[in-house]
Amino acid sequence: LQATDSKTSFAIDGPGSFVISTPNGDQLTRGGSFTLSAKGEIVNHEGFTVMGEKGPIQITGADWNVDKDGNVTSAGAIVDKIKIANGSTDPAKPTTIMQGYLESSNVNTVDEMVGMITALRSYEACQKSIQNLDQTLDKLINQVGKVA
């Protein structure tokens, strides 16, 4: 998780995804880089609303926060709770929401490149072995089998 210090950045710590309302139905995302629309709704970069348990989340003032449970408070009152799909039901492993953070990639590009190069070298070694076997069989069939 990387700190952004932006009130509209959210990261999910644990399993689960944010629910986004689109014209094609609800979609899930772990990308928590959101903004506030002109109507005060939390939206993604495409302008689709982030869903709460009561529907689209409506922020009515500048003083608002989201706690670790996903409760959205505005002017001291709970407005809604961010809807998380496929979150943890195990009380020992709760899914928490962190405001002011974004989830970064869980892939190390250097390790993945090394793995891809290793796989390529293995493929090339197998390919060379097959070519050598093919040449040996070619000599066996075409030269050893010739009748003098």
N, C-alpha and C. Protein backbone atom coordinates (compact mmCIF):
# COMPACT_ATOMS: atom_id res chain seq x y z
N LEU A 1 0.85 -1.18 0.00
CA LEU A 1 0.00 0.00 0.00
C LEU A 1 0.88 1.24 0.00
N GLN A 2 0.54 2.20 -0.83
CA GLN A 2 1.31 3.43 -0.93
C GLN A 2 0.45 4.62 -0.49
N ALA A 3 1.04 5.44 0.39
CA ALA A 3 0.34 6.62 0.88
C ALA A 3 0.22 7.66 -0.23
N THR A 4 -0.96 8.28 -0.34
CA THR A 4 -1.18 9.32 -1.35
C THR A 4 -1.58 10.65 -0.70
N ASP A 5 -2.05 10.62 0.51
CA ASP A 5 -2.56 11.80 1.22
C ASP A 5 -3.74 12.44 0.50
N SER A 6 -4.43 11.69 -0.34
CA SER A 6 -5.62 12.18 -1.03
C SER A 6 -6.85 11.55 -0.37
N LYS A 7 -7.84 12.38 -0.05
CA LYS A 7 -9.04 11.86 0.60
C LYS A 7 -9.83 10.92 -0.30
N THR A 8 -9.62 11.01 -1.62
CA THR A 8 -10.39 10.19 -2.54
C THR A 8 -9.62 8.95 -3.02
N SER A 9 -8.50 8.64 -2.36
CA SER A 9 -7.76 7.41 -2.66
C SER A 9 -8.07 6.40 -1.58
N PHE A 10 -8.39 5.17 -2.01
CA PHE A 10 -8.73 4.11 -1.07
C PHE A 10 -8.03 2.82 -1.45
N ALA A 11 -7.58 2.11 -0.46
CA ALA A 11 -6.98 0.79 -0.67
C ALA A 11 -7.73 -0.21 0.19
N ILE A 12 -7.87 -1.41 -0.32
CA ILE A 12 -8.51 -2.49 0.42
C ILE A 12 -7.39 -3.37 0.99
N ASP A 13 -7.37 -3.50 2.29
CA ASP A 13 -6.41 -4.37 2.95
C ASP A 13 -7.14 -5.67 3.27
N GLY A 14 -6.87 -6.70 2.48
CA GLY A 14 -7.56 -7.97 2.63
C GLY A 14 -8.31 -8.31 1.36
N PRO A 15 -9.13 -9.35 1.40
CA PRO A 15 -9.88 -9.73 0.20
C PRO A 15 -11.04 -8.77 -0.07
N GLY A 16 -11.48 -8.77 -1.31
CA GLY A 16 -12.65 -7.97 -1.66
C GLY A 16 -12.35 -6.96 -2.74
N SER A 17 -13.42 -6.35 -3.27
CA SER A 17 -13.32 -5.37 -4.34
C SER A 17 -14.37 -4.29 -4.15
N PHE A 18 -14.06 -3.09 -4.65
CA PHE A 18 -15.05 -2.02 -4.67
C PHE A 18 -16.09 -2.35 -5.72
N VAL A 19 -17.33 -1.94 -5.50
CA VAL A 19 -18.41 -2.14 -6.46
C VAL A 19 -18.65 -0.81 -7.17
N ILE A 20 -18.56 -0.84 -8.50
CA ILE A 20 -18.74 0.35 -9.32
C ILE A 20 -19.98 0.16 -10.17
N SER A 21 -20.87 1.16 -10.18
CA SER A 21 -22.08 1.10 -10.98
C SER A 21 -21.79 1.64 -12.37
N THR A 22 -22.02 0.80 -13.41
CA THR A 22 -21.80 1.20 -14.80
C THR A 22 -23.10 0.98 -15.58
N PRO A 23 -23.19 1.51 -16.79
CA PRO A 23 -24.38 1.26 -17.61
C PRO A 23 -24.58 -0.23 -17.92
N ASN A 24 -23.51 -1.03 -17.85
CA ASN A 24 -23.59 -2.47 -18.11
C ASN A 24 -23.76 -3.28 -16.83
N GLY A 25 -24.12 -2.62 -15.74
CA GLY A 25 -24.28 -3.31 -14.47
C GLY A 25 -23.10 -3.06 -13.55
N ASP A 26 -23.17 -3.64 -12.37
CA ASP A 26 -22.11 -3.45 -11.38
C ASP A 26 -20.85 -4.18 -11.81
N GLN A 27 -19.72 -3.52 -11.60
CA GLN A 27 -18.42 -4.13 -11.88
C GLN A 27 -17.55 -4.00 -10.64
N LEU A 28 -16.55 -4.88 -10.54
CA LEU A 28 -15.68 -4.91 -9.38
C LEU A 28 -14.30 -4.40 -9.74
N THR A 29 -13.68 -3.71 -8.81
CA THR A 29 -12.32 -3.22 -9.00
C THR A 29 -11.60 -3.13 -7.67
N ARG A 30 -10.30 -3.29 -7.71
CA ARG A 30 -9.48 -3.03 -6.53
C ARG A 30 -8.78 -1.69 -6.67
N GLY A 31 -8.89 -1.08 -7.85
CA GLY A 31 -8.30 0.23 -8.06
C GLY A 31 -9.08 1.28 -7.30
N GLY A 32 -8.44 1.95 -6.36
CA GLY A 32 -9.15 2.89 -5.49
C GLY A 32 -8.83 4.34 -5.74
N SER A 33 -8.41 4.68 -6.96
CA SER A 33 -8.11 6.06 -7.30
C SER A 33 -9.41 6.72 -7.77
N PHE A 34 -10.09 7.37 -6.83
CA PHE A 34 -11.40 7.95 -7.11
C PHE A 34 -11.34 9.47 -7.02
N THR A 35 -12.41 10.12 -7.44
CA THR A 35 -12.57 11.57 -7.30
C THR A 35 -14.00 11.86 -6.87
N LEU A 36 -14.28 13.11 -6.60
CA LEU A 36 -15.65 13.53 -6.30
C LEU A 36 -16.23 14.19 -7.54
N SER A 37 -17.45 13.79 -7.90
CA SER A 37 -18.12 14.40 -9.05
C SER A 37 -18.72 15.74 -8.64
N ALA A 38 -19.24 16.46 -9.61
CA ALA A 38 -19.89 17.75 -9.33
C ALA A 38 -21.10 17.56 -8.41
N LYS A 39 -21.71 16.36 -8.46
CA LYS A 39 -22.87 16.07 -7.60
C LYS A 39 -22.46 15.60 -6.21
N GLY A 40 -21.15 15.48 -5.97
CA GLY A 40 -20.67 15.04 -4.66
C GLY A 40 -20.62 13.53 -4.52
N GLU A 41 -20.66 12.81 -5.62
CA GLU A 41 -20.57 11.36 -5.57
C GLU A 41 -19.12 10.93 -5.77
N ILE A 42 -18.73 9.83 -5.10
CA ILE A 42 -17.40 9.27 -5.31
C ILE A 42 -17.45 8.49 -6.61
N VAL A 43 -16.57 8.84 -7.56
CA VAL A 43 -16.56 8.21 -8.89
C VAL A 43 -15.15 7.76 -9.24
N ASN A 44 -15.08 6.81 -10.20
CA ASN A 44 -13.78 6.38 -10.69
C ASN A 44 -13.35 7.30 -11.83
N HIS A 45 -12.22 7.01 -12.48
CA HIS A 45 -11.69 7.88 -13.54
C HIS A 45 -12.59 7.94 -14.77
N GLU A 46 -13.51 6.98 -14.91
CA GLU A 46 -14.44 7.01 -16.04
C GLU A 46 -15.76 7.71 -15.68
N GLY A 47 -15.90 8.14 -14.44
CA GLY A 47 -17.10 8.82 -14.01
C GLY A 47 -18.19 7.91 -13.47
N PHE A 48 -17.91 6.62 -13.30
CA PHE A 48 -18.88 5.68 -12.75
C PHE A 48 -18.83 5.73 -11.23
N THR A 49 -20.01 5.64 -10.62
CA THR A 49 -20.10 5.84 -9.18
C THR A 49 -19.67 4.61 -8.38
N VAL A 50 -19.04 4.91 -7.24
CA VAL A 50 -18.69 3.88 -6.27
C VAL A 50 -19.94 3.64 -5.44
N MET A 51 -20.30 2.39 -5.30
CA MET A 51 -21.54 2.05 -4.61
C MET A 51 -21.33 1.90 -3.11
N GLY A 52 -22.33 2.37 -2.39
CA GLY A 52 -22.42 2.13 -0.97
C GLY A 52 -23.50 1.09 -0.74
N GLU A 53 -23.72 0.75 0.49
CA GLU A 53 -24.75 -0.24 0.79
C GLU A 53 -26.15 0.29 0.50
N LYS A 54 -26.30 1.63 0.49
CA LYS A 54 -27.61 2.23 0.21
C LYS A 54 -27.73 2.75 -1.23
N GLY A 55 -26.68 2.57 -2.03
CA GLY A 55 -26.67 3.09 -3.40
C GLY A 55 -25.44 3.95 -3.61
N PRO A 56 -25.48 4.86 -4.59
CA PRO A 56 -24.34 5.75 -4.80
C PRO A 56 -24.06 6.59 -3.55
N ILE A 57 -22.78 6.74 -3.24
CA ILE A 57 -22.41 7.48 -2.04
C ILE A 57 -22.42 8.97 -2.35
N GLN A 58 -23.16 9.74 -1.55
CA GLN A 58 -23.32 11.18 -1.75
C GLN A 58 -22.62 11.91 -0.60
N ILE A 59 -21.60 12.72 -0.94
CA ILE A 59 -20.88 13.53 0.04
C ILE A 59 -21.47 14.93 -0.01
N THR A 60 -21.85 15.45 1.15
CA THR A 60 -22.54 16.74 1.17
C THR A 60 -21.68 17.91 1.62
N GLY A 61 -20.48 17.68 2.11
CA GLY A 61 -19.63 18.79 2.56
C GLY A 61 -18.16 18.48 2.35
N ALA A 62 -17.32 19.46 2.71
CA ALA A 62 -15.88 19.29 2.54
C ALA A 62 -15.29 18.45 3.67
N ASP A 63 -15.96 18.39 4.80
CA ASP A 63 -15.46 17.65 5.96
C ASP A 63 -16.04 16.23 5.95
N TRP A 64 -15.33 15.31 5.31
CA TRP A 64 -15.80 13.93 5.23
C TRP A 64 -14.62 12.98 5.37
N ASN A 65 -14.90 11.78 5.83
CA ASN A 65 -13.88 10.76 6.01
C ASN A 65 -14.47 9.38 5.82
N VAL A 66 -13.59 8.41 5.65
CA VAL A 66 -13.97 7.00 5.57
C VAL A 66 -13.15 6.26 6.60
N ASP A 67 -13.81 5.49 7.47
CA ASP A 67 -13.06 4.74 8.48
C ASP A 67 -12.65 3.37 7.94
N LYS A 68 -11.94 2.62 8.74
CA LYS A 68 -11.40 1.32 8.28
C LYS A 68 -12.49 0.32 7.94
N ASP A 69 -13.69 0.49 8.47
CA ASP A 69 -14.81 -0.40 8.17
C ASP A 69 -15.57 0.02 6.91
N GLY A 70 -15.19 1.17 6.34
CA GLY A 70 -15.85 1.64 5.12
C GLY A 70 -16.98 2.61 5.37
N ASN A 71 -17.21 2.99 6.64
CA ASN A 71 -18.27 3.95 6.95
C ASN A 71 -17.86 5.34 6.49
N VAL A 72 -18.71 5.96 5.68
CA VAL A 72 -18.46 7.30 5.16
C VAL A 72 -19.19 8.29 6.06
N THR A 73 -18.41 9.19 6.67
CA THR A 73 -19.01 10.20 7.53
C THR A 73 -18.83 11.57 6.89
N SER A 74 -19.88 12.36 6.94
CA SER A 74 -19.85 13.72 6.43
C SER A 74 -20.50 14.61 7.47
N ALA A 75 -19.79 15.65 7.88
CA ALA A 75 -20.26 16.57 8.92
C ALA A 75 -20.62 15.82 10.20
N GLY A 76 -19.83 14.79 10.53
CA GLY A 76 -20.02 14.05 11.77
C GLY A 76 -21.07 12.96 11.76
N ALA A 77 -21.82 12.83 10.67
CA ALA A 77 -22.87 11.81 10.59
C ALA A 77 -22.49 10.76 9.55
N ILE A 78 -22.82 9.50 9.83
CA ILE A 78 -22.56 8.42 8.86
C ILE A 78 -23.53 8.56 7.70
N VAL A 79 -22.99 8.69 6.50
CA VAL A 79 -23.79 8.86 5.29
C VAL A 79 -24.13 7.50 4.69
N ASP A 80 -23.12 6.64 4.61
CA ASP A 80 -23.28 5.32 3.99
C ASP A 80 -22.05 4.50 4.34
N LYS A 81 -22.01 3.29 3.83
CA LYS A 81 -20.86 2.41 4.01
C LYS A 81 -20.46 1.92 2.63
N ILE A 82 -19.15 2.02 2.30
CA ILE A 82 -18.67 1.57 0.99
C ILE A 82 -18.94 0.08 0.85
N LYS A 83 -19.55 -0.28 -0.28
CA LYS A 83 -19.90 -1.67 -0.54
C LYS A 83 -18.66 -2.42 -1.02
N ILE A 84 -18.33 -3.50 -0.34
CA ILE A 84 -17.20 -4.35 -0.71
C ILE A 84 -17.76 -5.72 -1.08
N ALA A 85 -17.45 -6.17 -2.29
CA ALA A 85 -17.88 -7.49 -2.75
C ALA A 85 -16.78 -8.50 -2.48
N ASN A 86 -17.17 -9.70 -2.12
CA ASN A 86 -16.24 -10.81 -1.88
C ASN A 86 -15.24 -10.52 -0.78
N GLY A 87 -15.65 -9.76 0.21
CA GLY A 87 -14.79 -9.48 1.35
C GLY A 87 -14.72 -10.66 2.30
N SER A 88 -13.90 -10.52 3.30
CA SER A 88 -13.71 -11.59 4.27
C SER A 88 -14.90 -11.69 5.21
N THR A 89 -15.34 -12.90 5.46
CA THR A 89 -16.40 -13.13 6.45
C THR A 89 -15.80 -13.66 7.74
N ASP A 90 -14.50 -13.90 7.73
CA ASP A 90 -13.79 -14.40 8.91
C ASP A 90 -13.45 -13.22 9.82
N PRO A 91 -14.00 -13.20 11.05
CA PRO A 91 -13.72 -12.06 11.95
C PRO A 91 -12.25 -11.92 12.30
N ALA A 92 -11.47 -13.00 12.18
CA ALA A 92 -10.05 -12.94 12.49
C ALA A 92 -9.26 -12.28 11.37
N LYS A 93 -9.82 -12.23 10.16
CA LYS A 93 -9.14 -11.63 9.01
C LYS A 93 -10.06 -10.60 8.35
N PRO A 94 -10.32 -9.49 9.01
CA PRO A 94 -11.27 -8.53 8.43
C PRO A 94 -10.71 -7.80 7.22
N THR A 95 -11.60 -7.44 6.32
CA THR A 95 -11.25 -6.59 5.18
C THR A 95 -11.38 -5.16 5.66
N THR A 96 -10.31 -4.39 5.53
CA THR A 96 -10.35 -3.00 5.96
C THR A 96 -10.08 -2.08 4.78
N ILE A 97 -10.61 -0.87 4.88
CA ILE A 97 -10.42 0.15 3.86
C ILE A 97 -9.52 1.22 4.44
N MET A 98 -8.53 1.60 3.66
CA MET A 98 -7.59 2.62 4.12
C MET A 98 -7.71 3.85 3.23
N GLN A 99 -8.17 4.95 3.82
CA GLN A 99 -8.31 6.19 3.08
C GLN A 99 -6.94 6.86 2.98
N GLY A 100 -6.63 7.44 1.81
CA GLY A 100 -5.35 8.10 1.62
C GLY A 100 -4.25 7.15 1.16
N TYR A 101 -4.63 5.95 0.73
CA TYR A 101 -3.67 4.96 0.25
C TYR A 101 -4.18 4.37 -1.06
N LEU A 102 -3.23 3.88 -1.86
CA LEU A 102 -3.56 3.13 -3.07
C LEU A 102 -2.81 1.81 -3.03
N GLU A 103 -3.43 0.79 -3.57
CA GLU A 103 -2.79 -0.52 -3.66
C GLU A 103 -1.89 -0.52 -4.89
N SER A 104 -0.64 -0.88 -4.68
CA SER A 104 0.28 -0.94 -5.81
C SER A 104 0.32 -2.37 -6.35
N SER A 105 1.02 -2.54 -7.43
CA SER A 105 1.12 -3.85 -8.07
C SER A 105 1.80 -4.84 -7.14
N ASN A 106 1.34 -6.09 -7.18
CA ASN A 106 1.96 -7.13 -6.36
C ASN A 106 2.94 -7.96 -7.19
N VAL A 107 3.37 -7.39 -8.32
CA VAL A 107 4.30 -8.09 -9.22
C VAL A 107 5.62 -7.32 -9.25
N ASN A 108 6.73 -8.03 -9.08
CA ASN A 108 8.05 -7.43 -9.20
C ASN A 108 8.49 -7.62 -10.65
N THR A 109 8.59 -6.53 -11.40
CA THR A 109 8.89 -6.62 -12.83
C THR A 109 10.25 -7.25 -13.10
N VAL A 110 11.24 -6.97 -12.26
CA VAL A 110 12.58 -7.55 -12.47
C VAL A 110 12.52 -9.07 -12.33
N ASP A 111 11.85 -9.55 -11.28
CA ASP A 111 11.71 -11.01 -11.10
C ASP A 111 10.97 -11.66 -12.25
N GLU A 112 9.92 -11.00 -12.75
CA GLU A 112 9.15 -11.54 -13.85
C GLU A 112 9.96 -11.58 -15.14
N MET A 113 10.77 -10.54 -15.39
CA MET A 113 11.63 -10.53 -16.58
C MET A 113 12.66 -11.65 -16.50
N VAL A 114 13.26 -11.85 -15.32
CA VAL A 114 14.23 -12.94 -15.15
C VAL A 114 13.55 -14.28 -15.40
N GLY A 115 12.34 -14.46 -14.89
CA GLY A 115 11.59 -15.70 -15.12
C GLY A 115 11.28 -15.92 -16.59
N MET A 116 10.92 -14.85 -17.30
CA MET A 116 10.62 -14.98 -18.73
C MET A 116 11.88 -15.33 -19.53
N ILE A 117 13.01 -14.72 -19.18
CA ILE A 117 14.27 -15.03 -19.87
C ILE A 117 14.68 -16.47 -19.61
N THR A 118 14.51 -16.92 -18.37
CA THR A 118 14.83 -18.32 -18.03
C THR A 118 13.97 -19.28 -18.83
N ALA A 119 12.68 -18.99 -18.93
CA ALA A 119 11.77 -19.84 -19.70
C ALA A 119 12.16 -19.84 -21.18
N LEU A 120 12.54 -18.68 -21.71
CA LEU A 120 12.95 -18.58 -23.12
C LEU A 120 14.21 -19.41 -23.36
N ARG A 121 15.16 -19.34 -22.45
CA ARG A 121 16.40 -20.12 -22.61
C ARG A 121 16.12 -21.62 -22.53
N SER A 122 15.23 -22.03 -21.67
CA SER A 122 14.85 -23.44 -21.59
C SER A 122 14.18 -23.90 -22.88
N TYR A 123 13.30 -23.06 -23.42
CA TYR A 123 12.63 -23.37 -24.68
C TYR A 123 13.65 -23.51 -25.80
N GLU A 124 14.61 -22.58 -25.86
CA GLU A 124 15.64 -22.63 -26.90
C GLU A 124 16.50 -23.88 -26.78
N ALA A 125 16.82 -24.29 -25.53
CA ALA A 125 17.62 -25.50 -25.31
C ALA A 125 16.86 -26.73 -25.78
N CYS A 126 15.58 -26.80 -25.49
CA CYS A 126 14.76 -27.93 -25.96
C CYS A 126 14.66 -27.93 -27.48
N GLN A 127 14.49 -26.75 -28.05
CA GLN A 127 14.40 -26.64 -29.50
C GLN A 127 15.70 -27.12 -30.15
N LYS A 128 16.85 -26.74 -29.59
CA LYS A 128 18.15 -27.17 -30.14
C LYS A 128 18.30 -28.68 -30.02
N SER A 129 17.85 -29.28 -28.92
CA SER A 129 17.92 -30.73 -28.75
C SER A 129 17.09 -31.44 -29.82
N ILE A 130 15.90 -30.92 -30.09
CA ILE A 130 15.04 -31.52 -31.11
C ILE A 130 15.69 -31.39 -32.49
N GLN A 131 16.31 -30.25 -32.79
CA GLN A 131 16.99 -30.07 -34.07
C GLN A 131 18.15 -31.06 -34.21
N ASN A 132 18.94 -31.25 -33.14
CA ASN A 132 20.05 -32.22 -33.17
C ASN A 132 19.54 -33.64 -33.40
N LEU A 133 18.47 -34.00 -32.73
CA LEU A 133 17.88 -35.33 -32.91
C LEU A 133 17.37 -35.49 -34.35
N ASP A 134 16.77 -34.45 -34.89
CA ASP A 134 16.28 -34.49 -36.27
C ASP A 134 17.44 -34.68 -37.25
N GLN A 135 18.55 -33.99 -37.04
CA GLN A 135 19.71 -34.14 -37.91
C GLN A 135 20.30 -35.55 -37.81
N THR A 136 20.35 -36.10 -36.60
CA THR A 136 20.86 -37.46 -36.41
C THR A 136 19.98 -38.46 -37.13
N LEU A 137 18.66 -38.32 -36.99
CA LEU A 137 17.75 -39.23 -37.67
C LEU A 137 17.84 -39.06 -39.19
N ASP A 138 18.06 -37.85 -39.67
CA ASP A 138 18.21 -37.61 -41.10
C ASP A 138 19.43 -38.35 -41.64
N LYS A 139 20.56 -38.28 -40.92
CA LYS A 139 21.76 -38.98 -41.33
C LYS A 139 21.54 -40.49 -41.29
N LEU A 140 20.88 -40.95 -40.25
CA LEU A 140 20.63 -42.39 -40.11
C LEU A 140 19.79 -42.90 -41.27
N ILE A 141 18.75 -42.19 -41.61
CA ILE A 141 17.84 -42.65 -42.66
C ILE A 141 18.45 -42.46 -44.05
N ASN A 142 19.06 -41.32 -44.31
CA ASN A 142 19.49 -41.00 -45.66
C ASN A 142 20.91 -41.48 -46.01
N GLN A 143 21.77 -41.63 -45.01
CA GLN A 143 23.14 -42.03 -45.34
C GLN A 143 23.48 -43.46 -44.93
N VAL A 144 23.08 -43.85 -43.74
CA VAL A 144 23.39 -45.21 -43.27
C VAL A 144 22.54 -46.22 -44.01
N GLY A 145 21.36 -45.87 -44.36
CA GLY A 145 20.46 -46.81 -45.01
C GLY A 145 20.69 -46.97 -46.51
N LYS A 146 21.66 -46.23 -47.08
CA LYS A 146 21.93 -46.32 -48.53
C LYS A 146 22.56 -47.67 -48.87
N VAL A 147 22.14 -48.24 -49.94
CA VAL A 147 22.72 -49.49 -50.43
C VAL A 147 23.84 -49.14 -51.39
N ALA A 148 25.01 -49.72 -51.17
CA ALA A 148 26.17 -49.39 -52.01
C ALA A 148 26.05 -49.91 -53.40
